[in-house]
């Protein structure tokens, strides 16, 4: 017989909290993540579109 993949949880122990649940309960964290990705990718896309990368020869 094969072993179960997950070991049974002890009585009273809660399952791990998912990232989706954390983001649903923290709208400020969602806004921070959106801001972070915008600040990271918007300048990168603009530099790529207008060919503004500095390339050392």
PDB file of N, CA and C in Angstrom:
ATOM      1  N   UNK A   1       0.830  -1.184   0.000  1.00  0.00           N
ATOM      2  CA  UNK A   1       0.000   0.000   0.000  1.00  0.00           C
ATOM      3  C   UNK A   1       0.876   1.249   0.000  1.00  0.00           C
ATOM      4  N   UNK A   2       0.426   2.289  -0.677  1.00  0.00           N
ATOM      5  CA  UNK A   2       1.250   3.500  -0.776  1.00  0.00           C
ATOM      6  C   UNK A   2       0.945   4.449   0.376  1.00  0.00           C
ATOM      7  N   UNK A   3       1.939   5.215   0.715  1.00  0.00           N
ATOM      8  CA  UNK A   3       1.805   6.216   1.780  1.00  0.00           C
ATOM      9  C   UNK A   3       1.043   7.426   1.247  1.00  0.00           C
ATOM     10  N   UNK A   4       0.251   8.097   2.080  1.00  0.00           N
ATOM     11  CA  UNK A   4      -0.382   9.344   1.626  1.00  0.00           C
ATOM     12  C   UNK A   4       0.687  10.416   1.406  1.00  0.00           C
ATOM     13  N   UNK A   5       0.441  11.297   0.442  1.00  0.00           N
ATOM     14  CA  UNK A   5       1.424  12.332   0.122  1.00  0.00           C
ATOM     15  C   UNK A   5       1.566  13.353   1.235  1.00  0.00           C
ATOM     16  N   UNK A   6       0.469  13.656   1.913  1.00  0.00           N
ATOM     17  CA  UNK A   6       0.518  14.637   2.994  1.00  0.00           C
ATOM     18  C   UNK A   6       0.386  13.926   4.332  1.00  0.00           C
ATOM     19  N   UNK A   7       1.170  14.387   5.292  1.00  0.00           N
ATOM     20  CA  UNK A   7       1.017  13.831   6.632  1.00  0.00           C
ATOM     21  C   UNK A   7      -0.195  14.478   7.284  1.00  0.00           C
ATOM     22  N   UNK A   8      -0.938  13.736   8.078  1.00  0.00           N
ATOM     23  CA  UNK A   8      -2.122  14.334   8.712  1.00  0.00           C
ATOM     24  C   UNK A   8      -1.725  15.437   9.687  1.00  0.00           C
ATOM     25  N   UNK A   9      -2.547  16.501   9.738  1.00  0.00           N
ATOM     26  CA  UNK A   9      -2.288  17.614  10.648  1.00  0.00           C
ATOM     27  C   UNK A   9      -2.696  17.236  12.065  1.00  0.00           C
ATOM     28  N   UNK A  10      -1.926  17.684  13.047  1.00  0.00           N
ATOM     29  CA  UNK A  10      -2.348  17.465  14.443  1.00  0.00           C
ATOM     30  C   UNK A  10      -3.654  18.197  14.730  1.00  0.00           C
ATOM     31  N   UNK A  11      -4.377  17.722  15.714  1.00  0.00           N
ATOM     32  CA  UNK A  11      -5.660  18.332  16.097  1.00  0.00           C
ATOM     33  C   UNK A  11      -5.455  19.799  16.461  1.00  0.00           C
ATOM     34  N   UNK A  12      -6.327  20.658  15.968  1.00  0.00           N
ATOM     35  CA  UNK A  12      -6.294  22.073  16.332  1.00  0.00           C
ATOM     36  C   UNK A  12      -5.355  22.920  15.496  1.00  0.00           C
ATOM     37  N   UNK A  13      -4.547  22.309  14.654  1.00  0.00           N
ATOM     38  CA  UNK A  13      -3.632  23.095  13.819  1.00  0.00           C
ATOM     39  C   UNK A  13      -4.365  23.541  12.560  1.00  0.00           C
ATOM     40  N   UNK A  14      -4.246  24.832  12.238  1.00  0.00           N
ATOM     41  CA  UNK A  14      -4.933  25.382  11.074  1.00  0.00           C
ATOM     42  C   UNK A  14      -4.106  25.148   9.816  1.00  0.00           C
ATOM     43  N   UNK A  15      -4.762  25.047   8.672  1.00  0.00           N
ATOM     44  CA  UNK A  15      -4.004  24.893   7.423  1.00  0.00           C
ATOM     45  C   UNK A  15      -3.250  26.178   7.091  1.00  0.00           C
ATOM     46  N   UNK A  16      -2.232  26.090   6.251  1.00  0.00           N
ATOM     47  CA  UNK A  16      -1.490  27.298   5.885  1.00  0.00           C
ATOM     48  C   UNK A  16      -2.383  28.308   5.164  1.00  0.00           C
ATOM     49  N   UNK A  17      -2.083  29.575   5.358  1.00  0.00           N
ATOM     50  CA  UNK A  17      -2.873  30.644   4.746  1.00  0.00           C
ATOM     51  C   UNK A  17      -2.383  30.840   3.318  1.00  0.00           C
ATOM     52  N   UNK A  18      -3.318  30.951   2.375  1.00  0.00           N
ATOM     53  CA  UNK A  18      -2.934  31.114   0.971  1.00  0.00           C
ATOM     54  C   UNK A  18      -2.643  32.587   0.671  1.00  0.00           C
ATOM     55  N   UNK A  19      -1.868  32.793  -0.364  1.00  0.00           N
ATOM     56  CA  UNK A  19      -1.541  34.159  -0.790  1.00  0.00           C
ATOM     57  C   UNK A  19      -2.794  34.900  -1.225  1.00  0.00           C
ATOM     58  N   UNK A  20      -3.721  34.204  -1.875  1.00  0.00           N
ATOM     59  CA  UNK A  20      -4.978  34.823  -2.310  1.00  0.00           C
ATOM     60  C   UNK A  20      -5.757  35.359  -1.113  1.00  0.00           C
ATOM     61  N   UNK A  21      -5.793  34.594  -0.024  1.00  0.00           N
ATOM     62  CA  UNK A  21      -6.519  35.027   1.181  1.00  0.00           C
ATOM     63  C   UNK A  21      -5.854  36.265   1.785  1.00  0.00           C
ATOM     64  N   UNK A  22      -4.534  36.281   1.811  1.00  0.00           N
ATOM     65  CA  UNK A  22      -3.800  37.429   2.351  1.00  0.00           C
ATOM     66  C   UNK A  22      -4.099  38.684   1.532  1.00  0.00           C
ATOM     67  N   UNK A  23      -4.088  38.547   0.203  1.00  0.00           N
ATOM     68  CA  UNK A  23      -4.332  39.704  -0.654  1.00  0.00           C
ATOM     69  C   UNK A  23      -5.781  40.170  -0.588  1.00  0.00           C
ATOM     70  N   UNK A  24      -6.715  39.250  -0.367  1.00  0.00           N
ATOM     71  CA  UNK A  24      -8.117  39.647  -0.239  1.00  0.00           C
ATOM     72  C   UNK A  24      -8.345  40.462   1.026  1.00  0.00           C
ATOM     73  N   UNK A  25      -7.599  40.162   2.073  1.00  0.00           N
ATOM     74  CA  UNK A  25      -7.798  40.851   3.348  1.00  0.00           C
ATOM     75  C   UNK A  25      -6.944  42.104   3.491  1.00  0.00           C
ATOM     76  N   UNK A  26      -6.023  42.353   2.566  1.00  0.00           N
ATOM     77  CA  UNK A  26      -5.129  43.511   2.662  1.00  0.00           C
ATOM     78  C   UNK A  26      -5.125  44.306   1.360  1.00  0.00           C
ATOM     79  N   UNK A  27      -6.111  45.179   1.159  1.00  0.00           N
ATOM     80  CA  UNK A  27      -6.132  45.956  -0.093  1.00  0.00           C
ATOM     81  C   UNK A  27      -4.923  46.889  -0.226  1.00  0.00           C
ATOM     82  N   UNK A  28      -4.373  47.343   0.896  1.00  0.00           N
ATOM     83  CA  UNK A  28      -3.190  48.204   0.838  1.00  0.00           C
ATOM     84  C   UNK A  28      -1.999  47.443   0.258  1.00  0.00           C
ATOM     85  N   UNK A  29      -1.861  46.185   0.637  1.00  0.00           N
ATOM     86  CA  UNK A  29      -0.779  45.354   0.108  1.00  0.00           C
ATOM     87  C   UNK A  29      -0.935  45.155  -1.398  1.00  0.00           C
ATOM     88  N   UNK A  30      -2.163  44.980  -1.855  1.00  0.00           N
ATOM     89  CA  UNK A  30      -2.422  44.841  -3.294  1.00  0.00           C
ATOM     90  C   UNK A  30      -2.001  46.113  -4.018  1.00  0.00           C
ATOM     91  N   UNK A  31      -2.357  47.276  -3.469  1.00  0.00           N
ATOM     92  CA  UNK A  31      -1.976  48.547  -4.092  1.00  0.00           C
ATOM     93  C   UNK A  31      -0.463  48.715  -4.121  1.00  0.00           C
ATOM     94  N   UNK A  32       0.203  48.299  -3.045  1.00  0.00           N
ATOM     95  CA  UNK A  32       1.662  48.395  -3.008  1.00  0.00           C
ATOM     96  C   UNK A  32       2.296  47.509  -4.073  1.00  0.00           C
ATOM     97  N   UNK A  33       1.780  46.295  -4.245  1.00  0.00           N
ATOM     98  CA  UNK A  33       2.332  45.388  -5.250  1.00  0.00           C
ATOM     99  C   UNK A  33       2.099  45.910  -6.666  1.00  0.00           C
ATOM    100  N   UNK A  34       0.915  46.454  -6.916  1.00  0.00           N
ATOM    101  CA  UNK A  34       0.629  47.031  -8.233  1.00  0.00           C
ATOM    102  C   UNK A  34       1.573  48.200  -8.498  1.00  0.00           C
ATOM    103  N   UNK A  35       1.750  49.066  -7.518  1.00  0.00           N
ATOM    104  CA  UNK A  35       2.658  50.203  -7.663  1.00  0.00           C
ATOM    105  C   UNK A  35       4.086  49.729  -7.937  1.00  0.00           C
ATOM    106  N   UNK A  36       4.530  48.715  -7.203  1.00  0.00           N
ATOM    107  CA  UNK A  36       5.879  48.183  -7.382  1.00  0.00           C
ATOM    108  C   UNK A  36       6.085  47.677  -8.807  1.00  0.00           C
ATOM    109  N   UNK A  37       5.131  46.877  -9.304  1.00  0.00           N
ATOM    110  CA  UNK A  37       5.284  46.333 -10.648  1.00  0.00           C
ATOM    111  C   UNK A  37       5.186  47.418 -11.716  1.00  0.00           C
ATOM    112  N   UNK A  38       4.341  48.414 -11.496  1.00  0.00           N
ATOM    113  CA  UNK A  38       4.270  49.521 -12.456  1.00  0.00           C
ATOM    114  C   UNK A  38       5.588  50.291 -12.491  1.00  0.00           C
ATOM    115  N   UNK A  39       6.152  50.561 -11.318  1.00  0.00           N
ATOM    116  CA  UNK A  39       7.410  51.294 -11.268  1.00  0.00           C
ATOM    117  C   UNK A  39       8.554  50.471 -11.849  1.00  0.00           C
ATOM    118  N   UNK A  40       8.420  49.169 -11.824  1.00  0.00           N
ATOM    119  CA  UNK A  40       9.466  48.307 -12.365  1.00  0.00           C
ATOM    120  C   UNK A  40       9.354  48.158 -13.879  1.00  0.00           C
ATOM    121  N   UNK A  41       8.129  47.926 -14.371  1.00  0.00           N
ATOM    122  CA  UNK A  41       7.965  47.552 -15.771  1.00  0.00           C
ATOM    123  C   UNK A  41       7.653  48.707 -16.714  1.00  0.00           C
ATOM    124  N   UNK A  42       7.021  49.773 -16.248  1.00  0.00           N
ATOM    125  CA  UNK A  42       6.707  50.889 -17.149  1.00  0.00           C
ATOM    126  C   UNK A  42       7.990  51.533 -17.689  1.00  0.00           C
ATOM    127  N   UNK A  43       8.973  51.877 -16.856  1.00  0.00           N
ATOM    128  CA  UNK A  43      10.217  52.428 -17.423  1.00  0.00           C
ATOM    129  C   UNK A  43      10.942  51.438 -18.335  1.00  0.00           C
ATOM    130  N   UNK A  44      10.877  50.159 -17.995  1.00  0.00           N
ATOM    131  CA  UNK A  44      11.517  49.149 -18.831  1.00  0.00           C
ATOM    132  C   UNK A  44      10.864  49.074 -20.208  1.00  0.00           C
ATOM    133  N   UNK A  45       9.547  49.087 -20.253  1.00  0.00           N
ATOM    134  CA  UNK A  45       8.820  49.035 -21.530  1.00  0.00           C
ATOM    135  C   UNK A  45       9.063  50.309 -22.332  1.00  0.00           C
ATOM    136  N   UNK A  46       9.055  51.462 -21.669  1.00  0.00           N
ATOM    137  CA  UNK A  46       9.308  52.720 -22.386  1.00  0.00           C
ATOM    138  C   UNK A  46      10.721  52.752 -22.964  1.00  0.00           C
ATOM    139  N   UNK A  47      11.696  52.302 -22.182  1.00  0.00           N
ATOM    140  CA  UNK A  47      13.072  52.273 -22.679  1.00  0.00           C
ATOM    141  C   UNK A  47      13.192  51.314 -23.858  1.00  0.00           C
ATOM    142  N   UNK A  48      12.497  50.185 -23.799  1.00  0.00           N
ATOM    143  CA  UNK A  48      12.543  49.231 -24.903  1.00  0.00           C
ATOM    144  C   UNK A  48      11.864  49.809 -26.148  1.00  0.00           C
ATOM    145  N   UNK A  49      10.715  50.454 -25.947  1.00  0.00           N
ATOM    146  CA  UNK A  49       9.955  50.985 -27.087  1.00  0.00           C
ATOM    147  C   UNK A  49      10.717  52.109 -27.789  1.00  0.00           C
ATOM    148  N   UNK A  50      11.336  52.991 -27.023  1.00  0.00           N
ATOM    149  CA  UNK A  50      12.036  54.131 -27.611  1.00  0.00           C
ATOM    150  C   UNK A  50      13.533  53.882 -27.776  1.00  0.00           C
ATOM    151  N   UNK A  51      13.967  52.656 -27.559  1.00  0.00           N
ATOM    152  CA  UNK A  51      15.367  52.263 -27.741  1.00  0.00           C
ATOM    153  C   UNK A  51      16.306  53.163 -26.937  1.00  0.00           C
ATOM    154  N   UNK A  52      16.015  53.301 -25.657  1.00  0.00           N
ATOM    155  CA  UNK A  52      16.806  54.173 -24.793  1.00  0.00           C
ATOM    156  C   UNK A  52      17.762  53.413 -23.874  1.00  0.00           C
ATOM    157  N   UNK A  53      17.990  52.145 -24.168  1.00  0.00           N
ATOM    158  CA  UNK A  53      18.923  51.392 -23.338  1.00  0.00           C
ATOM    159  C   UNK A  53      20.338  51.886 -23.588  1.00  0.00           C
ATOM    160  N   UNK A  54      21.096  52.003 -22.523  1.00  0.00           N
ATOM    161  CA  UNK A  54      22.499  52.386 -22.661  1.00  0.00           C
ATOM    162  C   UNK A  54      23.305  51.106 -22.829  1.00  0.00           C
ATOM    163  N   UNK A  55      23.960  50.985 -23.957  1.00  0.00           N
ATOM    164  CA  UNK A  55      24.720  49.775 -24.242  1.00  0.00           C
ATOM    165  C   UNK A  55      26.193  50.159 -24.312  1.00  0.00           C
ATOM    166  N   UNK A  56      27.004  49.501 -23.489  1.00  0.00           N
ATOM    167  CA  UNK A  56      28.439  49.769 -23.510  1.00  0.00           C
ATOM    168  C   UNK A  56      29.064  49.032 -24.693  1.00  0.00           C
ATOM    169  N   UNK A  57      29.871  49.751 -25.446  1.00  0.00           N
ATOM    170  CA  UNK A  57      30.508  49.128 -26.617  1.00  0.00           C
ATOM    171  C   UNK A  57      31.869  48.600 -26.238  1.00  0.00           C
TER     172      UNK A  57
END
